[in-house]
Amino acid sequence: MQQLKAIGQRELRNDNAEIMRRVEAGESFVVTRNNKPVAQLSPYHSEVVTRPSLGEVQALFGSLPPVDADRWDADRAAADELFGADDPLDDPWQS
């Protein structure tokens, strides 16, 4: 991963044309104010982010194996034994 060059707010204001040319050429910067990062200046990429539909997510979950409740309880009990059970989980549907 490339190291971003830090530039001060004043440098950005005074040299904005040169910095914008460098961003257009592919460079990225972290803009600082009082030596604290406040923004990242990077080239714009018009990529489309696609997300799965509800039906696709349901199909993915439907392809998972069923949860083995007894194994879940055994794993939880083993973890409680190892780490302590100071935060017990109650199953409201058990009663």
PDB file of N, CA and C in Angstrom:
ATOM      1  N   MET A   1       0.846  -1.188   0.000  1.00  0.00           N
ATOM      2  CA  MET A   1       0.000   0.000   0.000  1.00  0.00           C
ATOM      3  C   MET A   1       0.884   1.241   0.000  1.00  0.00           C
ATOM      4  N   GLN A   2       0.525   2.211  -0.823  1.00  0.00           N
ATOM      5  CA  GLN A   2       1.368   3.403  -0.934  1.00  0.00           C
ATOM      6  C   GLN A   2       1.197   4.322   0.260  1.00  0.00           C
ATOM      7  N   GLN A   3       2.288   4.969   0.625  1.00  0.00           N
ATOM      8  CA  GLN A   3       2.279   5.942   1.715  1.00  0.00           C
ATOM      9  C   GLN A   3       1.722   7.259   1.173  1.00  0.00           C
ATOM     10  N   LEU A   4       0.726   7.811   1.844  1.00  0.00           N
ATOM     11  CA  LEU A   4       0.140   9.074   1.399  1.00  0.00           C
ATOM     12  C   LEU A   4       1.001  10.223   1.893  1.00  0.00           C
ATOM     13  N   LYS A   5       1.232  11.184   1.018  1.00  0.00           N
ATOM     14  CA  LYS A   5       2.010  12.359   1.392  1.00  0.00           C
ATOM     15  C   LYS A   5       1.108  13.338   2.140  1.00  0.00           C
ATOM     16  N   ALA A   6       1.579  13.819   3.275  1.00  0.00           N
ATOM     17  CA  ALA A   6       0.824  14.802   4.047  1.00  0.00           C
ATOM     18  C   ALA A   6       1.122  16.195   3.514  1.00  0.00           C
ATOM     19  N   ILE A   7       0.059  16.960   3.315  1.00  0.00           N
ATOM     20  CA  ILE A   7       0.217  18.356   2.906  1.00  0.00           C
ATOM     21  C   ILE A   7      -0.643  19.211   3.833  1.00  0.00           C
ATOM     22  N   GLY A   8      -0.128  20.372   4.176  1.00  0.00           N
ATOM     23  CA  GLY A   8      -0.870  21.276   5.040  1.00  0.00           C
ATOM     24  C   GLY A   8      -1.970  21.994   4.279  1.00  0.00           C
ATOM     25  N   GLN A   9      -2.945  22.467   5.012  1.00  0.00           N
ATOM     26  CA  GLN A   9      -4.059  23.208   4.427  1.00  0.00           C
ATOM     27  C   GLN A   9      -3.541  24.416   3.650  1.00  0.00           C
ATOM     28  N   ARG A  10      -2.553  25.087   4.185  1.00  0.00           N
ATOM     29  CA  ARG A  10      -1.993  26.260   3.523  1.00  0.00           C
ATOM     30  C   ARG A  10      -1.324  25.876   2.202  1.00  0.00           C
ATOM     31  N   GLU A  11      -0.576  24.770   2.210  1.00  0.00           N
ATOM     32  CA  GLU A  11       0.062  24.294   0.972  1.00  0.00           C
ATOM     33  C   GLU A  11      -0.991  23.955  -0.076  1.00  0.00           C
ATOM     34  N   LEU A  12      -2.072  23.328   0.352  1.00  0.00           N
ATOM     35  CA  LEU A  12      -3.156  23.011  -0.576  1.00  0.00           C
ATOM     36  C   LEU A  12      -3.747  24.284  -1.163  1.00  0.00           C
ATOM     37  N   ARG A  13      -3.954  25.294  -0.326  1.00  0.00           N
ATOM     38  CA  ARG A  13      -4.518  26.558  -0.799  1.00  0.00           C
ATOM     39  C   ARG A  13      -3.557  27.256  -1.762  1.00  0.00           C
ATOM     40  N   ASN A  14      -2.265  27.325  -1.387  1.00  0.00           N
ATOM     41  CA  ASN A  14      -1.301  28.077  -2.198  1.00  0.00           C
ATOM     42  C   ASN A  14      -0.906  27.363  -3.484  1.00  0.00           C
ATOM     43  N   ASP A  15      -0.880  26.030  -3.465  1.00  0.00           N
ATOM     44  CA  ASP A  15      -0.406  25.260  -4.625  1.00  0.00           C
ATOM     45  C   ASP A  15      -1.498  24.373  -5.194  1.00  0.00           C
ATOM     46  N   ASN A  16      -2.750  24.825  -5.116  1.00  0.00           N
ATOM     47  CA  ASN A  16      -3.853  23.942  -5.487  1.00  0.00           C
ATOM     48  C   ASN A  16      -3.791  23.455  -6.924  1.00  0.00           C
ATOM     49  N   ALA A  17      -3.363  24.281  -7.874  1.00  0.00           N
ATOM     50  CA  ALA A  17      -3.324  23.848  -9.273  1.00  0.00           C
ATOM     51  C   ALA A  17      -2.324  22.707  -9.453  1.00  0.00           C
ATOM     52  N   GLU A  18      -1.143  22.843  -8.870  1.00  0.00           N
ATOM     53  CA  GLU A  18      -0.129  21.798  -8.972  1.00  0.00           C
ATOM     54  C   GLU A  18      -0.575  20.521  -8.262  1.00  0.00           C
ATOM     55  N   ILE A  19      -1.156  20.661  -7.096  1.00  0.00           N
ATOM     56  CA  ILE A  19      -1.606  19.489  -6.346  1.00  0.00           C
ATOM     57  C   ILE A  19      -2.730  18.782  -7.096  1.00  0.00           C
ATOM     58  N   MET A  20      -3.652  19.533  -7.690  1.00  0.00           N
ATOM     59  CA  MET A  20      -4.734  18.907  -8.457  1.00  0.00           C
ATOM     60  C   MET A  20      -4.180  18.180  -9.681  1.00  0.00           C
ATOM     61  N   ARG A  21      -3.143  18.722 -10.326  1.00  0.00           N
ATOM     62  CA  ARG A  21      -2.501  18.019 -11.448  1.00  0.00           C
ATOM     63  C   ARG A  21      -1.916  16.696 -10.957  1.00  0.00           C
ATOM     64  N   ARG A  22      -1.290  16.717  -9.782  1.00  0.00           N
ATOM     65  CA  ARG A  22      -0.691  15.500  -9.243  1.00  0.00           C
ATOM     66  C   ARG A  22      -1.757  14.472  -8.864  1.00  0.00           C
ATOM     67  N   VAL A  23      -2.876  14.942  -8.324  1.00  0.00           N
ATOM     68  CA  VAL A  23      -3.979  14.027  -8.002  1.00  0.00           C
ATOM     69  C   VAL A  23      -4.524  13.427  -9.286  1.00  0.00           C
ATOM     70  N   GLU A  24      -4.692  14.246 -10.303  1.00  0.00           N
ATOM     71  CA  GLU A  24      -5.185  13.764 -11.590  1.00  0.00           C
ATOM     72  C   GLU A  24      -4.234  12.718 -12.175  1.00  0.00           C
ATOM     73  N   ALA A  25      -2.940  12.846 -11.878  1.00  0.00           N
ATOM     74  CA  ALA A  25      -1.937  11.892 -12.360  1.00  0.00           C
ATOM     75  C   ALA A  25      -1.897  10.623 -11.501  1.00  0.00           C
ATOM     76  N   GLY A  26      -2.664  10.584 -10.409  1.00  0.00           N
ATOM     77  CA  GLY A  26      -2.749   9.368  -9.629  1.00  0.00           C
ATOM     78  C   GLY A  26      -2.248   9.453  -8.199  1.00  0.00           C
ATOM     79  N   GLU A  27      -1.685  10.577  -7.779  1.00  0.00           N
ATOM     80  CA  GLU A  27      -1.194  10.705  -6.404  1.00  0.00           C
ATOM     81  C   GLU A  27      -2.346  10.950  -5.434  1.00  0.00           C
ATOM     82  N   SER A  28      -2.125  10.578  -4.190  1.00  0.00           N
ATOM     83  CA  SER A  28      -3.090  10.829  -3.123  1.00  0.00           C
ATOM     84  C   SER A  28      -2.393  11.562  -1.993  1.00  0.00           C
ATOM     85  N   PHE A  29      -3.145  12.379  -1.280  1.00  0.00           N
ATOM     86  CA  PHE A  29      -2.592  13.192  -0.199  1.00  0.00           C
ATOM     87  C   PHE A  29      -3.491  13.119   1.018  1.00  0.00           C
ATOM     88  N   VAL A  30      -2.886  13.330   2.190  1.00  0.00           N
ATOM     89  CA  VAL A  30      -3.635  13.554   3.418  1.00  0.00           C
ATOM     90  C   VAL A  30      -3.476  15.031   3.736  1.00  0.00           C
ATOM     91  N   VAL A  31      -4.589  15.737   3.827  1.00  0.00           N
ATOM     92  CA  VAL A  31      -4.557  17.163   4.124  1.00  0.00           C
ATOM     93  C   VAL A  31      -4.590  17.332   5.643  1.00  0.00           C
ATOM     94  N   THR A  32      -3.676  18.164   6.157  1.00  0.00           N
ATOM     95  CA  THR A  32      -3.592  18.377   7.605  1.00  0.00           C
ATOM     96  C   THR A  32      -3.902  19.824   7.956  1.00  0.00           C
ATOM     97  N   ARG A  33      -4.393  19.994   9.168  1.00  0.00           N
ATOM     98  CA  ARG A  33      -4.578  21.323   9.743  1.00  0.00           C
ATOM     99  C   ARG A  33      -3.975  21.250  11.142  1.00  0.00           C
ATOM    100  N   ASN A  34      -3.029  22.119  11.429  1.00  0.00           N
ATOM    101  CA  ASN A  34      -2.300  22.079  12.700  1.00  0.00           C
ATOM    102  C   ASN A  34      -1.683  20.699  12.932  1.00  0.00           C
ATOM    103  N   ASN A  35      -1.119  20.137  11.858  1.00  0.00           N
ATOM    104  CA  ASN A  35      -0.446  18.826  11.871  1.00  0.00           C
ATOM    105  C   ASN A  35      -1.364  17.654  12.221  1.00  0.00           C
ATOM    106  N   LYS A  36      -2.675  17.839  12.099  1.00  0.00           N
ATOM    107  CA  LYS A  36      -3.622  16.753  12.343  1.00  0.00           C
ATOM    108  C   LYS A  36      -4.347  16.447  11.039  1.00  0.00           C
ATOM    109  N   PRO A  37      -4.415  15.167  10.650  1.00  0.00           N
ATOM    110  CA  PRO A  37      -5.121  14.812   9.417  1.00  0.00           C
ATOM    111  C   PRO A  37      -6.600  15.194   9.485  1.00  0.00           C
ATOM    112  N   VAL A  38      -7.088  15.833   8.413  1.00  0.00           N
ATOM    113  CA  VAL A  38      -8.506  16.214   8.368  1.00  0.00           C
ATOM    114  C   VAL A  38      -9.216  15.710   7.111  1.00  0.00           C
ATOM    115  N   ALA A  39      -8.441  15.345   6.075  1.00  0.00           N
ATOM    116  CA  ALA A  39      -9.079  14.899   4.835  1.00  0.00           C
ATOM    117  C   ALA A  39      -8.090  14.098   4.006  1.00  0.00           C
ATOM    118  N   GLN A  40      -8.649  13.323   3.102  1.00  0.00           N
ATOM    119  CA  GLN A  40      -7.826  12.598   2.137  1.00  0.00           C
ATOM    120  C   GLN A  40      -8.215  13.082   0.751  1.00  0.00           C
ATOM    121  N   LEU A  41      -7.217  13.395  -0.045  1.00  0.00           N
ATOM    122  CA  LEU A  41      -7.430  13.878  -1.402  1.00  0.00           C
ATOM    123  C   LEU A  41      -6.880  12.812  -2.339  1.00  0.00           C
ATOM    124  N   SER A  42      -7.775  12.166  -3.080  1.00  0.00           N
ATOM    125  CA  SER A  42      -7.397  11.049  -3.942  1.00  0.00           C
ATOM    126  C   SER A  42      -8.067  11.190  -5.296  1.00  0.00           C
ATOM    127  N   PRO A  43      -7.524  10.506  -6.309  1.00  0.00           N
ATOM    128  CA  PRO A  43      -8.170  10.530  -7.623  1.00  0.00           C
ATOM    129  C   PRO A  43      -9.579   9.945  -7.542  1.00  0.00           C
ATOM    130  N   TYR A  44     -10.470  10.489  -8.330  1.00  0.00           N
ATOM    131  CA  TYR A  44     -11.853  10.022  -8.365  1.00  0.00           C
ATOM    132  C   TYR A  44     -11.943   8.801  -9.276  1.00  0.00           C
ATOM    133  N   HIS A  45     -12.610   7.765  -8.783  1.00  0.00           N
ATOM    134  CA  HIS A  45     -12.850   6.560  -9.580  1.00  0.00           C
ATOM    135  C   HIS A  45     -14.349   6.338  -9.646  1.00  0.00           C
ATOM    136  N   SER A  46     -14.886   6.347 -10.826  1.00  0.00           N
ATOM    137  CA  SER A  46     -16.340   6.180 -10.960  1.00  0.00           C
ATOM    138  C   SER A  46     -16.673   4.694 -11.108  1.00  0.00           C
ATOM    139  N   GLU A  47     -16.466   3.968 -10.021  1.00  0.00           N
ATOM    140  CA  GLU A  47     -16.798   2.558 -10.046  1.00  0.00           C
ATOM    141  C   GLU A  47     -18.168   2.350  -9.422  1.00  0.00           C
ATOM    142  N   VAL A  48     -18.902   1.463 -10.000  1.00  0.00           N
ATOM    143  CA  VAL A  48     -20.241   1.174  -9.514  1.00  0.00           C
ATOM    144  C   VAL A  48     -20.142   0.047  -8.499  1.00  0.00           C
ATOM    145  N   VAL A  49     -20.682   0.273  -7.321  1.00  0.00           N
ATOM    146  CA  VAL A  49     -20.691  -0.744  -6.276  1.00  0.00           C
ATOM    147  C   VAL A  49     -22.032  -1.450  -6.345  1.00  0.00           C
ATOM    148  N   THR A  50     -21.982  -2.734  -6.598  1.00  0.00           N
ATOM    149  CA  THR A  50     -23.226  -3.498  -6.652  1.00  0.00           C
ATOM    150  C   THR A  50     -23.376  -4.297  -5.371  1.00  0.00           C
ATOM    151  N   ARG A  51     -24.576  -4.311  -4.876  1.00  0.00           N
ATOM    152  CA  ARG A  51     -24.885  -5.062  -3.672  1.00  0.00           C
ATOM    153  C   ARG A  51     -25.886  -6.142  -4.036  1.00  0.00           C
ATOM    154  N   PRO A  52     -25.793  -7.280  -3.343  1.00  0.00           N
ATOM    155  CA  PRO A  52     -26.746  -8.340  -3.657  1.00  0.00           C
ATOM    156  C   PRO A  52     -28.165  -7.941  -3.267  1.00  0.00           C
ATOM    157  N   SER A  53     -29.117  -8.475  -4.001  1.00  0.00           N
ATOM    158  CA  SER A  53     -30.518  -8.216  -3.685  1.00  0.00           C
ATOM    159  C   SER A  53     -30.914  -9.029  -2.455  1.00  0.00           C
ATOM    160  N   LEU A  54     -32.064  -8.722  -1.896  1.00  0.00           N
ATOM    161  CA  LEU A  54     -32.564  -9.458  -0.739  1.00  0.00           C
ATOM    162  C   LEU A  54     -32.720 -10.933  -1.085  1.00  0.00           C
ATOM    163  N   GLY A  55     -33.224 -11.217  -2.268  1.00  0.00           N
ATOM    164  CA  GLY A  55     -33.392 -12.609  -2.689  1.00  0.00           C
ATOM    165  C   GLY A  55     -32.064 -13.343  -2.778  1.00  0.00           C
ATOM    166  N   GLU A  56     -31.016 -12.657  -3.265  1.00  0.00           N
ATOM    167  CA  GLU A  56     -29.691 -13.277  -3.349  1.00  0.00           C
ATOM    168  C   GLU A  56     -29.132 -13.556  -1.956  1.00  0.00           C
ATOM    169  N   VAL A  57     -29.329 -12.614  -1.029  1.00  0.00           N
ATOM    170  CA  VAL A  57     -28.857 -12.814   0.343  1.00  0.00           C
ATOM    171  C   VAL A  57     -29.607 -13.973   0.985  1.00  0.00           C
ATOM    172  N   GLN A  58     -30.923 -14.033   0.769  1.00  0.00           N
ATOM    173  CA  GLN A  58     -31.704 -15.135   1.324  1.00  0.00           C
ATOM    174  C   GLN A  58     -31.237 -16.475   0.760  1.00  0.00           C
ATOM    175  N   ALA A  59     -30.917 -16.508  -0.527  1.00  0.00           N
ATOM    176  CA  ALA A  59     -30.420 -17.747  -1.136  1.00  0.00           C
ATOM    177  C   ALA A  59     -29.079 -18.145  -0.533  1.00  0.00           C
ATOM    178  N   LEU A  60     -28.209 -17.157  -0.282  1.00  0.00           N
ATOM    179  CA  LEU A  60     -26.918 -17.459   0.341  1.00  0.00           C
ATOM    180  C   LEU A  60     -27.110 -18.028   1.742  1.00  0.00           C
ATOM    181  N   PHE A  61     -27.965 -17.412   2.532  1.00  0.00           N
ATOM    182  CA  PHE A  61     -28.214 -17.913   3.875  1.00  0.00           C
ATOM    183  C   PHE A  61     -28.897 -19.276   3.831  1.00  0.00           C
ATOM    184  N   GLY A  62     -29.741 -19.485   2.834  1.00  0.00           N
ATOM    185  CA  GLY A  62     -30.426 -20.773   2.704  1.00  0.00           C
ATOM    186  C   GLY A  62     -29.484 -21.911   2.374  1.00  0.00           C
ATOM    187  N   SER A  63     -28.317 -21.595   1.824  1.00  0.00           N
ATOM    188  CA  SER A  63     -27.363 -22.642   1.464  1.00  0.00           C
ATOM    189  C   SER A  63     -26.434 -23.003   2.620  1.00  0.00           C
ATOM    190  N   LEU A  64     -26.526 -22.278   3.745  1.00  0.00           N
ATOM    191  CA  LEU A  64     -25.691 -22.585   4.909  1.00  0.00           C
ATOM    192  C   LEU A  64     -26.219 -23.818   5.630  1.00  0.00           C
ATOM    193  N   PRO A  65     -25.334 -24.564   6.279  1.00  0.00           N
ATOM    194  CA  PRO A  65     -25.820 -25.719   7.031  1.00  0.00           C
ATOM    195  C   PRO A  65     -26.634 -25.249   8.235  1.00  0.00           C
ATOM    196  N   PRO A  66     -27.555 -26.075   8.709  1.00  0.00           N
ATOM    197  CA  PRO A  66     -28.357 -25.672   9.873  1.00  0.00           C
ATOM    198  C   PRO A  66     -27.487 -25.548  11.118  1.00  0.00           C
ATOM    199  N   VAL A  67     -27.923 -24.706  12.047  1.00  0.00           N
ATOM    200  CA  VAL A  67     -27.201 -24.516  13.307  1.00  0.00           C
ATOM    201  C   VAL A  67     -27.514 -25.686  14.225  1.00  0.00           C
ATOM    202  N   ASP A  68     -26.465 -26.278  14.780  1.00  0.00           N
ATOM    203  CA  ASP A  68     -26.623 -27.359  15.754  1.00  0.00           C
ATOM    204  C   ASP A  68     -26.684 -26.715  17.137  1.00  0.00           C
ATOM    205  N   ALA A  69     -27.893 -26.604  17.688  1.00  0.00           N
ATOM    206  CA  ALA A  69     -28.091 -25.892  18.950  1.00  0.00           C
ATOM    207  C   ALA A  69     -27.336 -26.551  20.103  1.00  0.00           C
ATOM    208  N   ASP A  70     -27.281 -27.878  20.122  1.00  0.00           N
ATOM    209  CA  ASP A  70     -26.556 -28.566  21.200  1.00  0.00           C
ATOM    210  C   ASP A  70     -25.062 -28.256  21.127  1.00  0.00           C
ATOM    211  N   ARG A  71     -24.511 -28.251  19.926  1.00  0.00           N
ATOM    212  CA  ARG A  71     -23.078 -27.919  19.782  1.00  0.00           C
ATOM    213  C   ARG A  71     -22.835 -26.462  20.168  1.00  0.00           C
ATOM    214  N   TRP A  72     -23.752 -25.575  19.779  1.00  0.00           N
ATOM    215  CA  TRP A  72     -23.645 -24.155  20.134  1.00  0.00           C
ATOM    216  C   TRP A  72     -23.573 -23.994  21.653  1.00  0.00           C
ATOM    217  N   ASP A  73     -24.502 -24.670  22.361  1.00  0.00           N
ATOM    218  CA  ASP A  73     -24.512 -24.588  23.823  1.00  0.00           C
ATOM    219  C   ASP A  73     -23.231 -25.167  24.416  1.00  0.00           C
ATOM    220  N   ALA A  74     -22.733 -26.268  23.853  1.00  0.00           N
ATOM    221  CA  ALA A  74     -21.502 -26.886  24.352  1.00  0.00           C
ATOM    222  C   ALA A  74     -20.306 -25.958  24.125  1.00  0.00           C
ATOM    223  N   ASP A  75     -20.238 -25.333  22.956  1.00  0.00           N
ATOM    224  CA  ASP A  75     -19.145 -24.390  22.673  1.00  0.00           C
ATOM    225  C   ASP A  75     -19.201 -23.200  23.631  1.00  0.00           C
ATOM    226  N   ARG A  76     -20.407 -22.708  23.881  1.00  0.00           N
ATOM    227  CA  ARG A  76     -20.571 -21.578  24.794  1.00  0.00           C
ATOM    228  C   ARG A  76     -20.176 -21.955  26.214  1.00  0.00           C
ATOM    229  N   ALA A  77     -20.553 -23.151  26.650  1.00  0.00           N
ATOM    230  CA  ALA A  77     -20.191 -23.618  27.986  1.00  0.00           C
ATOM    231  C   ALA A  77     -18.682 -23.779  28.107  1.00  0.00           C
ATOM    232  N   ALA A  78     -18.039 -24.289  27.038  1.00  0.00           N
ATOM    233  CA  ALA A  78     -16.583 -24.442  27.061  1.00  0.00           C
ATOM    234  C   ALA A  78     -15.901 -23.075  27.131  1.00  0.00           C
ATOM    235  N   ALA A  79     -16.424 -22.104  26.410  1.00  0.00           N
ATOM    236  CA  ALA A  79     -15.858 -20.749  26.449  1.00  0.00           C
ATOM    237  C   ALA A  79     -16.052 -20.135  27.830  1.00  0.00           C
ATOM    238  N   ASP A  80     -17.224 -20.348  28.434  1.00  0.00           N
ATOM    239  CA  ASP A  80     -17.469 -19.839  29.786  1.00  0.00           C
ATOM    240  C   ASP A  80     -16.504 -20.472  30.785  1.00  0.00           C
ATOM    241  N   GLU A  81     -16.234 -21.763  30.593  1.00  0.00           N
ATOM    242  CA  GLU A  81     -15.299 -22.467  31.468  1.00  0.00           C
ATOM    243  C   GLU A  81     -13.900 -21.871  31.344  1.00  0.00           C
ATOM    244  N   LEU A  82     -13.520 -21.544  30.124  1.00  0.00           N
ATOM    245  CA  LEU A  82     -12.182 -21.008  29.863  1.00  0.00           C
ATOM    246  C   LEU A  82     -12.061 -19.540  30.273  1.00  0.00           C
ATOM    247  N   PHE A  83     -13.056 -18.727  29.924  1.00  0.00           N
ATOM    248  CA  PHE A  83     -12.949 -17.277  30.133  1.00  0.00           C
ATOM    249  C   PHE A  83     -13.754 -16.768  31.326  1.00  0.00           C
ATOM    250  N   GLY A  84     -14.568 -17.603  31.896  1.00  0.00           N
ATOM    251  CA  GLY A  84     -15.426 -17.166  32.996  1.00  0.00           C
ATOM    252  C   GLY A  84     -16.804 -16.811  32.482  1.00  0.00           C
ATOM    253  N   ALA A  85     -17.783 -16.968  33.327  1.00  0.00           N
ATOM    254  CA  ALA A  85     -19.171 -16.731  32.917  1.00  0.00           C
ATOM    255  C   ALA A  85     -19.734 -15.522  33.635  1.00  0.00           C
ATOM    256  N   ASP A  86     -18.981 -14.423  33.639  1.00  0.00           N
ATOM    257  CA  ASP A  86     -19.458 -13.231  34.333  1.00  0.00           C
ATOM    258  C   ASP A  86     -20.489 -12.464  33.524  1.00  0.00           C
ATOM    259  N   ASP A  87     -20.737 -12.898  32.298  1.00  0.00           N
ATOM    260  CA  ASP A  87     -21.769 -12.264  31.478  1.00  0.00           C
ATOM    261  C   ASP A  87     -22.682 -13.354  30.914  1.00  0.00           C
ATOM    262  N   PRO A  88     -23.456 -14.006  31.781  1.00  0.00           N
ATOM    263  CA  PRO A  88     -24.255 -15.137  31.332  1.00  0.00           C
ATOM    264  C   PRO A  88     -25.299 -14.700  30.292  1.00  0.00           C
ATOM    265  N   LEU A  89     -25.495 -15.580  29.347  1.00  0.00           N
ATOM    266  CA  LEU A  89     -26.509 -15.339  28.327  1.00  0.00           C
ATOM    267  C   LEU A  89     -27.741 -16.180  28.680  1.00  0.00           C
ATOM    268  N   ASP A  90     -28.877 -15.550  28.693  1.00  0.00           N
ATOM    269  CA  ASP A  90     -30.105 -16.270  28.983  1.00  0.00           C
ATOM    270  C   ASP A  90     -30.880 -16.452  27.691  1.00  0.00           C
ATOM    271  N   ASP A  91     -31.447 -17.642  27.521  1.00  0.00           N
ATOM    272  CA  ASP A  91     -32.257 -17.939  26.361  1.00  0.00           C
ATOM    273  C   ASP A  91     -33.708 -17.671  26.724  1.00  0.00           C
ATOM    274  N   PRO A  92     -34.293 -16.580  26.229  1.00  0.00           N
ATOM    275  CA  PRO A  92     -35.675 -16.240  26.621  1.00  0.00           C
ATOM    276  C   PRO A  92     -36.698 -17.243  26.093  1.00  0.00           C
ATOM    277  N   TRP A  93     -36.346 -18.055  25.100  1.00  0.00           N
ATOM    278  CA  TRP A  93     -37.285 -19.020  24.536  1.00  0.00           C
ATOM    279  C   TRP A  93     -37.174 -20.390  25.187  1.00  0.00           C
ATOM    280  N   GLN A  94     -36.197 -20.557  26.080  1.00  0.00           N
ATOM    281  CA  GLN A  94     -35.962 -21.859  26.704  1.00  0.00           C
ATOM    282  C   GLN A  94     -37.084 -22.219  27.674  1.00  0.00           C
ATOM    283  N   SER A  95     -37.670 -21.260  28.330  1.00  0.00           N
ATOM    284  CA  SER A  95     -38.710 -21.570  29.328  1.00  0.00           C
ATOM    285  C   SER A  95     -40.083 -21.664  28.719  1.00  0.00           C
TER     286      SER A  95
END
